[in-house]
Amino acid sequence: LDHYGVAVRAGHHCAMPVMDFYGI
């Protein structure tokens, strides 16, 4: 997306337990 000029965040967003909850 950055190569198209679109800035988003990718990662666990400092919320690893949330990612664990969703299994991702």
PDB file of all heavy atoms in Angstrom:
ATOM      1  N   LEU A   1       0.825  -1.207   0.000  1.00  0.00           N
ATOM      2  CA  LEU A   1       0.000   0.000   0.000  1.00  0.00           C
ATOM      3  C   LEU A   1       0.858   1.254   0.000  1.00  0.00           C
ATOM      4  O   LEU A   1       0.515   2.263  -0.633  1.00  0.00           O
ATOM      5  CB  LEU A   1      -0.954   0.001   1.194  1.00  0.00           C
ATOM      6  CG  LEU A   1      -2.120  -0.989   1.164  1.00  0.00           C
ATOM      7  CD1 LEU A   1      -3.002  -0.810   2.396  1.00  0.00           C
ATOM      8  CD2 LEU A   1      -2.951  -0.848  -0.103  1.00  0.00           C
ATOM      9  N   ASP A   2       1.989   1.198   0.691  1.00  0.00           N
ATOM     10  CA  ASP A   2       2.890   2.344   0.699  1.00  0.00           C
ATOM     11  C   ASP A   2       3.380   2.677  -0.705  1.00  0.00           C
ATOM     12  O   ASP A   2       3.587   3.842  -1.044  1.00  0.00           O
ATOM     13  CB  ASP A   2       4.078   2.069   1.624  1.00  0.00           C
ATOM     14  CG  ASP A   2       5.082   3.213   1.631  1.00  0.00           C
ATOM     15  OD1 ASP A   2       4.716   4.318   2.063  1.00  0.00           O
ATOM     16  OD2 ASP A   2       6.228   3.002   1.175  1.00  0.00           O
ATOM     17  N   HIS A   3       3.559   1.655  -1.533  1.00  0.00           N
ATOM     18  CA  HIS A   3       3.998   1.894  -2.917  1.00  0.00           C
ATOM     19  C   HIS A   3       2.932   2.611  -3.727  1.00  0.00           C
ATOM     20  O   HIS A   3       3.236   3.166  -4.794  1.00  0.00           O
ATOM     21  CB  HIS A   3       4.402   0.581  -3.581  1.00  0.00           C
ATOM     22  CG  HIS A   3       5.735   0.067  -3.117  1.00  0.00           C
ATOM     23  ND1 HIS A   3       6.939   0.583  -3.548  1.00  0.00           N
ATOM     24  CD2 HIS A   3       6.060  -0.895  -2.229  1.00  0.00           C
ATOM     25  CE1 HIS A   3       7.945  -0.044  -2.969  1.00  0.00           C
ATOM     26  NE2 HIS A   3       7.434  -0.952  -2.147  1.00  0.00           N
ATOM     27  N   TYR A   4       1.700   2.610  -3.254  1.00  0.00           N
ATOM     28  CA  TYR A   4       0.634   3.394  -3.871  1.00  0.00           C
ATOM     29  C   TYR A   4       0.396   4.709  -3.125  1.00  0.00           C
ATOM     30  O   TYR A   4      -0.615   5.392  -3.354  1.00  0.00           O
ATOM     31  CB  TYR A   4      -0.663   2.584  -3.906  1.00  0.00           C
ATOM     32  CG  TYR A   4      -0.605   1.375  -4.813  1.00  0.00           C
ATOM     33  CD1 TYR A   4      -0.467   0.099  -4.279  1.00  0.00           C
ATOM     34  CD2 TYR A   4      -0.675   1.507  -6.205  1.00  0.00           C
ATOM     35  CE1 TYR A   4      -0.402  -1.018  -5.103  1.00  0.00           C
ATOM     36  CE2 TYR A   4      -0.610   0.396  -7.031  1.00  0.00           C
ATOM     37  CZ  TYR A   4      -0.474  -0.865  -6.483  1.00  0.00           C
ATOM     38  OH  TYR A   4      -0.404  -1.972  -7.303  1.00  0.00           O
ATOM     39  N   GLY A   5       1.303   5.050  -2.196  1.00  0.00           N
ATOM     40  CA  GLY A   5       1.191   6.306  -1.470  1.00  0.00           C
ATOM     41  C   GLY A   5       0.233   6.282  -0.312  1.00  0.00           C
ATOM     42  O   GLY A   5      -0.110   7.335   0.235  1.00  0.00           O
ATOM     43  N   VAL A   6      -0.224   5.077   0.088  1.00  0.00           N
ATOM     44  CA  VAL A   6      -1.216   4.949   1.154  1.00  0.00           C
ATOM     45  C   VAL A   6      -0.524   4.470   2.428  1.00  0.00           C
ATOM     46  O   VAL A   6       0.053   3.380   2.458  1.00  0.00           O
ATOM     47  CB  VAL A   6      -2.340   3.967   0.761  1.00  0.00           C
ATOM     48  CG1 VAL A   6      -3.343   3.816   1.904  1.00  0.00           C
ATOM     49  CG2 VAL A   6      -3.040   4.444  -0.504  1.00  0.00           C
ATOM     50  N   ALA A   7      -0.566   5.279   3.475  1.00  0.00           N
ATOM     51  CA  ALA A   7       0.110   4.973   4.738  1.00  0.00           C
ATOM     52  C   ALA A   7      -0.891   4.365   5.709  1.00  0.00           C
ATOM     53  O   ALA A   7      -1.827   5.041   6.156  1.00  0.00           O
ATOM     54  CB  ALA A   7       0.724   6.234   5.335  1.00  0.00           C
ATOM     55  N   VAL A   8      -0.718   3.073   6.014  1.00  0.00           N
ATOM     56  CA  VAL A   8      -1.494   2.400   7.052  1.00  0.00           C
ATOM     57  C   VAL A   8      -0.512   1.737   8.007  1.00  0.00           C
ATOM     58  O   VAL A   8       0.682   1.669   7.744  1.00  0.00           O
ATOM     59  CB  VAL A   8      -2.462   1.342   6.475  1.00  0.00           C
ATOM     60  CG1 VAL A   8      -3.454   1.977   5.514  1.00  0.00           C
ATOM     61  CG2 VAL A   8      -1.690   0.210   5.795  1.00  0.00           C
ATOM     62  N   ARG A   9      -1.013   1.260   9.109  1.00  0.00           N
ATOM     63  CA  ARG A   9      -0.189   0.542  10.068  1.00  0.00           C
ATOM     64  C   ARG A   9      -0.350  -0.953   9.830  1.00  0.00           C
ATOM     65  O   ARG A   9      -1.436  -1.417   9.493  1.00  0.00           O
ATOM     66  CB  ARG A   9      -0.637   0.882  11.491  1.00  0.00           C
ATOM     67  CG  ARG A   9       0.259   0.401  12.606  1.00  0.00           C
ATOM     68  CD  ARG A   9       1.595   1.116  12.623  1.00  0.00           C
ATOM     69  NE  ARG A   9       2.297   0.897  13.871  1.00  0.00           N
ATOM     70  CZ  ARG A   9       2.862   1.865  14.582  1.00  0.00           C
ATOM     71  NH1 ARG A   9       2.805   3.108  14.173  1.00  0.00           N
ATOM     72  NH2 ARG A   9       3.499   1.603  15.709  1.00  0.00           N
ATOM     73  N   ALA A  10       0.714  -1.710  10.028  1.00  0.00           N
ATOM     74  CA  ALA A  10       0.639  -3.167   9.947  1.00  0.00           C
ATOM     75  C   ALA A  10       1.409  -3.743  11.121  1.00  0.00           C
ATOM     76  O   ALA A  10       2.556  -3.368  11.369  1.00  0.00           O
ATOM     77  CB  ALA A  10       1.224  -3.671   8.629  1.00  0.00           C
ATOM     78  N   GLY A  11       0.769  -4.645  11.869  1.00  0.00           N
ATOM     79  CA  GLY A  11       1.433  -5.248  13.018  1.00  0.00           C
ATOM     80  C   GLY A  11       0.434  -5.601  14.089  1.00  0.00           C
ATOM     81  O   GLY A  11      -0.768  -5.717  13.835  1.00  0.00           O
ATOM     82  N   HIS A  12       0.941  -5.748  15.309  1.00  0.00           N
ATOM     83  CA  HIS A  12       0.049  -6.096  16.419  1.00  0.00           C
ATOM     84  C   HIS A  12      -0.479  -4.871  17.149  1.00  0.00           C
ATOM     85  O   HIS A  12      -1.293  -4.994  18.062  1.00  0.00           O
ATOM     86  CB  HIS A  12       0.750  -7.036  17.401  1.00  0.00           C
ATOM     87  CG  HIS A  12       2.079  -6.525  17.892  1.00  0.00           C
ATOM     88  ND1 HIS A  12       2.204  -5.417  18.697  1.00  0.00           N
ATOM     89  CD2 HIS A  12       3.342  -6.991  17.699  1.00  0.00           C
ATOM     90  CE1 HIS A  12       3.483  -5.214  18.985  1.00  0.00           C
ATOM     91  NE2 HIS A  12       4.194  -6.151  18.391  1.00  0.00           N
ATOM     92  N   HIS A  13       0.004  -3.679  16.761  1.00  0.00           N
ATOM     93  CA  HIS A  13      -0.514  -2.405  17.291  1.00  0.00           C
ATOM     94  C   HIS A  13      -0.350  -2.302  18.804  1.00  0.00           C
ATOM     95  O   HIS A  13      -1.174  -1.675  19.489  1.00  0.00           O
ATOM     96  CB  HIS A  13      -1.983  -2.207  16.890  1.00  0.00           C
ATOM     97  CG  HIS A  13      -2.258  -2.554  15.463  1.00  0.00           C
ATOM     98  ND1 HIS A  13      -1.638  -1.913  14.421  1.00  0.00           N
ATOM     99  CD2 HIS A  13      -3.055  -3.510  14.908  1.00  0.00           C
ATOM    100  CE1 HIS A  13      -2.042  -2.443  13.272  1.00  0.00           C
ATOM    101  NE2 HIS A  13      -2.897  -3.415  13.545  1.00  0.00           N
ATOM    102  N   CYS A  14       0.711  -2.883  19.327  1.00  0.00           N
ATOM    103  CA  CYS A  14       0.946  -2.890  20.775  1.00  0.00           C
ATOM    104  C   CYS A  14      -0.266  -3.450  21.518  1.00  0.00           C
ATOM    105  O   CYS A  14      -0.641  -2.962  22.585  1.00  0.00           O
ATOM    106  CB  CYS A  14       1.293  -1.495  21.296  1.00  0.00           C
ATOM    107  SG  CYS A  14       2.853  -0.867  20.659  1.00  0.00           S
ATOM    108  N   ALA A  15      -0.885  -4.456  20.906  1.00  0.00           N
ATOM    109  CA  ALA A  15      -2.043  -5.115  21.519  1.00  0.00           C
ATOM    110  C   ALA A  15      -1.970  -6.605  21.207  1.00  0.00           C
ATOM    111  O   ALA A  15      -2.902  -7.186  20.635  1.00  0.00           O
ATOM    112  CB  ALA A  15      -3.337  -4.506  20.995  1.00  0.00           C
ATOM    113  N   MET A  16      -0.865  -7.233  21.595  1.00  0.00           N
ATOM    114  CA  MET A  16      -0.667  -8.651  21.294  1.00  0.00           C
ATOM    115  C   MET A  16      -1.780  -9.547  21.842  1.00  0.00           C
ATOM    116  O   MET A  16      -2.200 -10.482  21.153  1.00  0.00           O
ATOM    117  CB  MET A  16       0.695  -9.114  21.807  1.00  0.00           C
ATOM    118  CG  MET A  16       1.867  -8.634  20.985  1.00  0.00           C
ATOM    119  SD  MET A  16       3.428  -9.326  21.603  1.00  0.00           S
ATOM    120  CE  MET A  16       4.563  -8.621  20.406  1.00  0.00           C
ATOM    121  N   PRO A  17      -2.292  -9.314  23.057  1.00  0.00           N
ATOM    122  CA  PRO A  17      -3.391 -10.167  23.521  1.00  0.00           C
ATOM    123  C   PRO A  17      -4.627 -10.101  22.629  1.00  0.00           C
ATOM    124  O   PRO A  17      -5.355 -11.095  22.507  1.00  0.00           O
ATOM    125  CB  PRO A  17      -3.684  -9.631  24.932  1.00  0.00           C
ATOM    126  CG  PRO A  17      -2.369  -9.073  25.390  1.00  0.00           C
ATOM    127  CD  PRO A  17      -1.795  -8.443  24.152  1.00  0.00           C
ATOM    128  N   VAL A  18      -4.864  -8.959  21.989  1.00  0.00           N
ATOM    129  CA  VAL A  18      -5.990  -8.861  21.053  1.00  0.00           C
ATOM    130  C   VAL A  18      -5.745  -9.754  19.849  1.00  0.00           C
ATOM    131  O   VAL A  18      -6.644 -10.484  19.394  1.00  0.00           O
ATOM    132  CB  VAL A  18      -6.214  -7.390  20.613  1.00  0.00           C
ATOM    133  CG1 VAL A  18      -7.262  -7.314  19.503  1.00  0.00           C
ATOM    134  CG2 VAL A  18      -6.640  -6.542  21.794  1.00  0.00           C
ATOM    135  N   MET A  19      -4.530  -9.708  19.311  1.00  0.00           N
ATOM    136  CA  MET A  19      -4.202 -10.568  18.168  1.00  0.00           C
ATOM    137  C   MET A  19      -4.322 -12.042  18.556  1.00  0.00           C
ATOM    138  O   MET A  19      -4.846 -12.860  17.784  1.00  0.00           O
ATOM    139  CB  MET A  19      -2.794 -10.264  17.663  1.00  0.00           C
ATOM    140  CG  MET A  19      -2.566  -8.829  17.222  1.00  0.00           C
ATOM    141  SD  MET A  19      -3.634  -8.260  15.875  1.00  0.00           S
ATOM    142  CE  MET A  19      -4.448  -6.862  16.654  1.00  0.00           C
ATOM    143  N   ASP A  20      -3.861 -12.383  19.755  1.00  0.00           N
ATOM    144  CA  ASP A  20      -3.976 -13.773  20.229  1.00  0.00           C
ATOM    145  C   ASP A  20      -5.442 -14.195  20.308  1.00  0.00           C
ATOM    146  O   ASP A  20      -5.788 -15.331  19.966  1.00  0.00           O
ATOM    147  CB  ASP A  20      -3.311 -13.931  21.598  1.00  0.00           C
ATOM    148  CG  ASP A  20      -1.794 -13.782  21.533  1.00  0.00           C
ATOM    149  OD1 ASP A  20      -1.227 -13.892  20.421  1.00  0.00           O
ATOM    150  OD2 ASP A  20      -1.176 -13.543  22.595  1.00  0.00           O
ATOM    151  N   PHE A  21      -6.300 -13.289  20.747  1.00  0.00           N
ATOM    152  CA  PHE A  21      -7.733 -13.590  20.867  1.00  0.00           C
ATOM    153  C   PHE A  21      -8.323 -13.984  19.517  1.00  0.00           C
ATOM    154  O   PHE A  21      -9.145 -14.905  19.415  1.00  0.00           O
ATOM    155  CB  PHE A  21      -8.474 -12.382  21.435  1.00  0.00           C
ATOM    156  CG  PHE A  21      -9.964 -12.522  21.476  1.00  0.00           C
ATOM    157  CD1 PHE A  21     -10.590 -13.199  22.513  1.00  0.00           C
ATOM    158  CD2 PHE A  21     -10.760 -11.976  20.463  1.00  0.00           C
ATOM    159  CE1 PHE A  21     -11.972 -13.330  22.552  1.00  0.00           C
ATOM    160  CE2 PHE A  21     -12.145 -12.105  20.492  1.00  0.00           C
ATOM    161  CZ  PHE A  21     -12.752 -12.790  21.543  1.00  0.00           C
ATOM    162  N   TYR A  22      -7.904 -13.283  18.456  1.00  0.00           N
ATOM    163  CA  TYR A  22      -8.428 -13.568  17.123  1.00  0.00           C
ATOM    164  C   TYR A  22      -7.624 -14.630  16.377  1.00  0.00           C
ATOM    165  O   TYR A  22      -7.972 -14.990  15.251  1.00  0.00           O
ATOM    166  CB  TYR A  22      -8.485 -12.278  16.294  1.00  0.00           C
ATOM    167  CG  TYR A  22      -9.576 -11.332  16.740  1.00  0.00           C
ATOM    168  CD1 TYR A  22      -9.285 -10.202  17.499  1.00  0.00           C
ATOM    169  CD2 TYR A  22     -10.903 -11.585  16.408  1.00  0.00           C
ATOM    170  CE1 TYR A  22     -10.294  -9.345  17.919  1.00  0.00           C
ATOM    171  CE2 TYR A  22     -11.919 -10.727  16.822  1.00  0.00           C
ATOM    172  CZ  TYR A  22     -11.612  -9.613  17.575  1.00  0.00           C
ATOM    173  OH  TYR A  22     -12.612  -8.766  17.992  1.00  0.00           O
ATOM    174  N   GLY A  23      -6.550 -15.102  16.991  1.00  0.00           N
ATOM    175  CA  GLY A  23      -5.753 -16.154  16.372  1.00  0.00           C
ATOM    176  C   GLY A  23      -5.012 -15.693  15.132  1.00  0.00           C
ATOM    177  O   GLY A  23      -4.828 -16.461  14.181  1.00  0.00           O
ATOM    178  N   ILE A  24      -4.576 -14.434  15.128  1.00  0.00           N
ATOM    179  CA  ILE A  24      -3.848 -13.870  13.989  1.00  0.00           C
ATOM    180  C   ILE A  24      -2.567 -13.215  14.500  1.00  0.00           C
ATOM    181  O   ILE A  24      -2.494 -12.781  15.651  1.00  0.00           O
ATOM    182  CB  ILE A  24      -4.704 -12.837  13.230  1.00  0.00           C
ATOM    183  CG1 ILE A  24      -5.249 -11.760  14.189  1.00  0.00           C
ATOM    184  CG2 ILE A  24      -5.858 -13.533  12.495  1.00  0.00           C
ATOM    185  CD1 ILE A  24      -6.081 -10.677  13.512  1.00  0.00           C
TER     186      ILE A  24
END
